[in-house]
Protein backbone atom coordinates (compact mmCIF):
# COMPACT_ATOMS: atom_id res chain seq x y z
CA UNK A 1 -40.15 38.73 -76.74
CA UNK A 2 -42.98 41.04 -75.64
CA UNK A 3 -44.09 41.46 -72.03
CA UNK A 4 -47.24 39.34 -72.34
CA UNK A 5 -45.26 36.35 -73.62
CA UNK A 6 -42.67 36.80 -70.87
CA UNK A 7 -45.37 36.93 -68.19
CA UNK A 8 -47.11 33.93 -69.73
CA UNK A 9 -43.96 31.83 -69.67
CA UNK A 10 -43.21 32.83 -66.08
CA UNK A 11 -46.64 31.51 -65.04
CA UNK A 12 -46.11 28.04 -66.56
CA UNK A 13 -44.14 26.76 -63.56
CA UNK A 14 -46.56 27.93 -60.82
CA UNK A 15 -49.61 26.75 -62.78
CA UNK A 16 -48.00 23.34 -63.39
CA UNK A 17 -47.13 23.01 -59.69
CA UNK A 18 -50.69 23.84 -58.61
CA UNK A 19 -52.06 21.37 -61.20
CA UNK A 20 -49.81 18.56 -59.95
CA UNK A 21 -50.70 19.47 -56.36
CA UNK A 22 -54.45 19.33 -57.14
CA UNK A 23 -54.16 16.04 -59.04
CA UNK A 24 -52.12 14.47 -56.23
CA UNK A 25 -54.73 15.57 -53.70
CA UNK A 26 -57.80 14.75 -55.76
CA UNK A 27 -56.50 11.33 -56.82
CA UNK A 28 -55.36 10.52 -53.27
CA UNK A 29 -51.78 9.93 -54.42
CA UNK A 30 -50.90 11.59 -51.15
CA UNK A 31 -53.09 11.34 -48.09
CA UNK A 32 -55.36 14.32 -47.48
CA UNK A 33 -54.01 14.26 -43.95
CA UNK A 34 -50.61 15.26 -45.33
CA UNK A 35 -51.50 17.32 -48.41
CA UNK A 36 -54.58 19.57 -48.32
CA UNK A 37 -56.45 20.80 -51.37
CA UNK A 38 -54.47 23.64 -53.03
CA UNK A 39 -57.51 25.86 -53.56
CA UNK A 40 -58.59 25.43 -49.95
CA UNK A 41 -55.03 26.29 -48.91
CA UNK A 42 -54.98 29.47 -50.99
CA UNK A 43 -58.40 30.30 -49.57
CA UNK A 44 -57.03 29.89 -46.05
CA UNK A 45 -54.11 32.15 -46.95
CA UNK A 46 -56.46 34.81 -48.31
CA UNK A 47 -58.74 34.63 -45.27
CA UNK A 48 -55.74 34.98 -42.93
CA UNK A 49 -54.56 38.07 -44.76
CA UNK A 50 -57.99 39.66 -45.00
CA UNK A 51 -58.83 38.96 -41.36
CA UNK A 52 -55.43 40.23 -40.24
CA UNK A 53 -54.59 37.10 -38.27
CA UNK A 54 -51.39 36.64 -40.27
CA UNK A 55 -50.47 40.33 -40.41
CA UNK A 56 -48.82 40.48 -36.98
CA UNK A 57 -46.67 37.42 -37.65
CA UNK A 58 -45.71 38.64 -41.12
CA UNK A 59 -44.82 42.09 -39.80
CA UNK A 60 -42.68 40.58 -37.01
CA UNK A 61 -40.73 38.42 -39.45
CA UNK A 62 -40.22 41.31 -41.89
CA UNK A 63 -39.03 43.58 -39.08
CA UNK A 64 -36.48 41.05 -37.80
CA UNK A 65 -35.27 40.18 -41.30
CA UNK A 66 -34.82 43.78 -42.40
CA UNK A 67 -33.18 44.72 -39.09
CA UNK A 68 -30.67 41.87 -39.46
CA UNK A 69 -30.09 42.66 -43.12
CA UNK A 70 -29.64 46.37 -42.37
CA UNK A 71 -26.94 45.61 -39.81
CA UNK A 72 -25.23 43.25 -42.25
CA UNK A 73 -25.20 45.84 -45.04
CA UNK A 74 -24.22 48.74 -42.78
CA UNK A 75 -21.15 46.97 -41.40
CA UNK A 76 -20.44 44.57 -44.25
CA UNK A 77 -20.09 46.94 -47.20
CA UNK A 78 -17.42 49.30 -45.78
CA UNK A 79 -15.57 46.39 -44.12
CA UNK A 80 -15.62 44.45 -47.39
CA UNK A 81 -14.27 47.39 -49.37
CA UNK A 82 -11.50 47.98 -46.82
CA UNK A 83 -10.66 44.27 -46.72
CA UNK A 84 -10.69 43.78 -50.48
CA UNK A 85 -8.51 46.83 -51.12
CA UNK A 86 -5.66 45.28 -49.09
CA UNK A 87 -4.69 41.94 -50.58
CA UNK A 88 -2.33 40.99 -47.73
CA UNK A 89 -4.94 41.48 -45.03
CA UNK A 90 -7.57 39.65 -47.09
CA UNK A 91 -5.36 36.63 -47.67
CA UNK A 92 -4.43 36.51 -43.99
CA UNK A 93 -8.03 36.22 -42.78
CA UNK A 94 -9.69 34.64 -45.81
CA UNK A 95 -9.72 31.18 -44.23
CA UNK A 96 -11.28 32.60 -41.05
CA UNK A 97 -14.05 34.36 -42.97
CA UNK A 98 -14.68 31.22 -45.05
CA UNK A 99 -14.80 29.10 -41.89
CA UNK A 100 -17.53 31.19 -40.24
CA UNK A 101 -19.37 31.62 -43.56
CA UNK A 102 -19.43 27.83 -43.95
CA UNK A 103 -20.58 27.21 -40.36
CA UNK A 104 -24.36 26.57 -40.25
CA UNK A 105 -26.11 29.51 -38.65
CA UNK A 106 -28.19 27.15 -36.51
CA UNK A 107 -24.99 25.94 -34.84
CA UNK A 108 -24.43 29.52 -33.64
CA UNK A 109 -27.78 29.78 -31.85
CA UNK A 110 -26.54 28.60 -28.42
CA UNK A 111 -23.63 31.07 -28.50
CA UNK A 112 -25.82 34.03 -29.38
CA UNK A 113 -28.40 33.01 -26.79
CA UNK A 114 -25.67 33.01 -24.14
CA UNK A 115 -24.50 36.46 -25.22
CA UNK A 116 -27.84 38.20 -25.86
CA UNK A 117 -30.32 36.06 -23.94
CA UNK A 118 -33.69 34.79 -25.15
CA UNK A 119 -35.25 37.66 -27.01
CA UNK A 120 -35.67 39.30 -30.36
CA UNK A 121 -32.13 40.64 -30.57
CA UNK A 122 -30.58 37.19 -30.26
CA UNK A 123 -32.47 36.13 -33.40
CA UNK A 124 -31.59 39.35 -35.19
CA UNK A 125 -27.93 39.12 -34.15
CA UNK A 126 -27.36 35.58 -35.41
CA UNK A 127 -29.16 36.36 -38.69
CA UNK A 128 -27.25 39.62 -39.03
CA UNK A 129 -23.93 37.91 -38.39
CA UNK A 130 -24.61 35.23 -41.00
CA UNK A 131 -25.72 37.82 -43.55
CA UNK A 132 -22.76 40.08 -42.69
CA UNK A 133 -20.28 37.35 -43.62
CA UNK A 134 -21.96 36.94 -47.01
CA UNK A 135 -21.89 40.70 -47.67
CA UNK A 136 -18.29 41.01 -46.47
CA UNK A 137 -17.03 38.19 -48.69
CA UNK A 138 -18.83 39.33 -51.82
CA UNK A 139 -17.89 43.00 -51.46
CA UNK A 140 -14.24 42.10 -50.82
CA UNK A 141 -14.28 39.79 -53.85
CA UNK A 142 -15.80 42.57 -55.97
CA UNK A 143 -13.12 45.05 -54.91
CA UNK A 144 -10.29 42.59 -55.53
CA UNK A 145 -11.60 41.86 -59.02
CA UNK A 146 -12.24 45.48 -59.97
CA UNK A 147 -10.61 46.72 -63.15
CA UNK A 148 -7.09 47.83 -62.25
CA UNK A 149 -6.91 50.24 -65.17
CA UNK A 150 -9.50 52.55 -63.59
CA UNK A 151 -7.69 52.49 -60.26
CA UNK A 152 -4.36 53.26 -61.92
CA UNK A 153 -5.94 56.03 -64.01
CA UNK A 154 -7.36 57.65 -60.88
CA UNK A 155 -3.99 57.50 -59.13
CA UNK A 156 -2.17 58.92 -62.18
CA UNK A 157 -4.57 61.85 -62.15
CA UNK A 158 -3.58 62.55 -58.55
CA UNK A 159 -6.60 61.16 -56.72
CA UNK A 160 -6.05 60.57 -53.01
CA UNK A 161 -6.51 57.14 -51.43
CA UNK A 162 -9.87 58.28 -50.06
CA UNK A 163 -11.03 59.45 -53.50
CA UNK A 164 -9.91 56.15 -55.07
CA UNK A 165 -11.73 54.29 -52.27
CA UNK A 166 -14.92 56.35 -52.60
CA UNK A 167 -15.16 57.04 -56.33
CA UNK A 168 -13.52 53.97 -57.89
CA UNK A 169 -13.43 50.96 -55.57
CA UNK A 170 -16.94 51.50 -54.23
CA UNK A 171 -18.56 51.71 -57.66
CA UNK A 172 -16.41 48.97 -59.17
CA UNK A 173 -17.53 46.60 -56.41
CA UNK A 174 -21.25 47.38 -56.77
CA UNK A 175 -22.19 44.50 -59.14
CA UNK A 176 -20.71 41.91 -56.77
CA UNK A 177 -22.05 43.86 -53.78
CA UNK A 178 -25.60 43.42 -55.06
CA UNK A 179 -25.01 39.70 -55.48
CA UNK A 180 -23.96 39.61 -51.84
CA UNK A 181 -26.92 41.72 -50.70
CA UNK A 182 -29.38 39.49 -52.55
CA UNK A 183 -27.87 36.38 -50.96
CA UNK A 184 -27.69 38.08 -47.56
CA UNK A 185 -31.35 39.08 -47.36
CA UNK A 186 -32.42 35.54 -48.33
CA UNK A 187 -30.11 34.05 -45.71
CA UNK A 188 -31.33 36.50 -43.07
CA UNK A 189 -34.94 35.47 -43.78
CA UNK A 190 -34.07 31.76 -43.53
CA UNK A 191 -32.23 32.19 -40.22
CA UNK A 192 -35.01 34.35 -38.76
CA UNK A 193 -37.68 31.79 -39.73
CA UNK A 194 -35.70 28.94 -38.13
CA UNK A 195 -35.04 31.05 -35.02
CA UNK A 196 -38.76 31.85 -34.72
CA UNK A 197 -39.50 28.14 -34.87
CA UNK A 198 -37.17 27.04 -32.12
CA UNK A 199 -36.10 30.00 -29.95
CA UNK A 200 -39.08 30.92 -27.79
CA UNK A 201 -40.91 33.23 -30.20
CA UNK A 202 -44.44 34.41 -29.51
CA UNK A 203 -44.96 35.66 -33.07
CA UNK A 204 -43.45 35.50 -36.54
CA UNK A 205 -44.05 33.26 -39.55
CA UNK A 206 -41.75 30.54 -38.21
CA UNK A 207 -43.75 30.43 -34.97
CA UNK A 208 -46.97 30.36 -36.98
CA UNK A 209 -45.79 27.40 -39.09
CA UNK A 210 -44.79 25.37 -36.04
CA UNK A 211 -48.04 26.20 -34.23
CA UNK A 212 -50.11 25.07 -37.23
CA UNK A 213 -48.08 21.86 -37.50
CA UNK A 214 -48.54 21.03 -33.82
CA UNK A 215 -52.34 21.35 -33.98
CA UNK A 216 -52.36 19.64 -37.40
CA UNK A 217 -53.91 22.62 -39.18
CA UNK A 218 -52.36 21.69 -42.53
CA UNK A 219 -54.13 24.35 -44.57
CA UNK A 220 -52.75 27.08 -42.34
CA UNK A 221 -49.32 25.45 -42.22
CA UNK A 222 -49.06 25.27 -46.01
CA UNK A 223 -50.52 28.77 -46.32
CA UNK A 224 -47.85 30.15 -43.98
CA UNK A 225 -45.12 28.32 -45.89
CA UNK A 226 -46.41 29.77 -49.15
CA UNK A 227 -46.43 33.28 -47.67
CA UNK A 228 -42.88 32.85 -46.40
CA UNK A 229 -41.76 31.68 -49.83
CA UNK A 230 -43.55 34.65 -51.38
CA UNK A 231 -41.66 37.04 -49.10
CA UNK A 232 -38.32 35.50 -50.05
CA UNK A 233 -39.20 35.61 -53.74
CA UNK A 234 -40.31 39.22 -53.39
CA UNK A 235 -36.99 40.18 -51.80
CA UNK A 236 -35.17 38.51 -54.68
CA UNK A 237 -37.18 40.38 -57.34
CA UNK A 238 -36.72 43.67 -55.47
CA UNK A 239 -32.95 43.36 -55.37
CA UNK A 240 -32.76 42.31 -59.03
CA UNK A 241 -34.73 45.44 -59.95
CA UNK A 242 -32.57 47.63 -57.69
CA UNK A 243 -29.42 46.18 -59.20
CA UNK A 244 -30.60 46.93 -62.75
CA UNK A 245 -31.50 50.48 -61.71
CA UNK A 246 -28.39 51.29 -59.65
CA UNK A 247 -25.75 49.33 -61.56
CA UNK A 248 -27.11 50.03 -65.06
CA UNK A 249 -23.57 50.75 -66.24
CA UNK A 250 -22.16 47.34 -65.26
CA UNK A 251 -19.96 45.79 -67.92
CA UNK A 252 -19.44 49.07 -69.78
């Protein structure tokens, strides 16, 4: 399949969604008070970007998301490798990790607000913690399921524990690590958006969505939601491309 056909097929879904949206609006299947015209909404999104009124909020959300994700990756990858390389330790705390990973991040907001106060870092901390658990679990799982033959071969050739850790376990865990990183950045964005909505934010896309909803500016509300979805989709595409570039040897 050539690139033009692939691009064409990828556009079928968005075009169909916009068509259904326009028909629903134009035929009054849904009240105009609840569903604005799609073209007017995209126009509002474009005007907000061109005028710069959305830039500050978008930049604030990106900063918080990347900060939280950076903390999660920085502490999650080495901890996951260390945890996954010791089966006894992993099994002893697996239920604890699963418990916190399964706990809704929103339920942790009051705790983090008590610890860090109302401010940016409270939002970043709760998003970072949620993303860290995802990274930790996936990296540990990747290490535990690495091919034992390569580890044994390295040990037979006299490699030290550090060399096995650095040159074998780290690279063997990379495919699963990227799965965790892709999930973590999406989760960090979700938690940041929710935190911006409900934890005293003065900027950010979550704050912008709630503000538009409260004044019933539906075009701006939908435009902000579309931009937020675009950011999440962009992160996903970026990490898929990075994974193909970095882990090009996976499965060989």
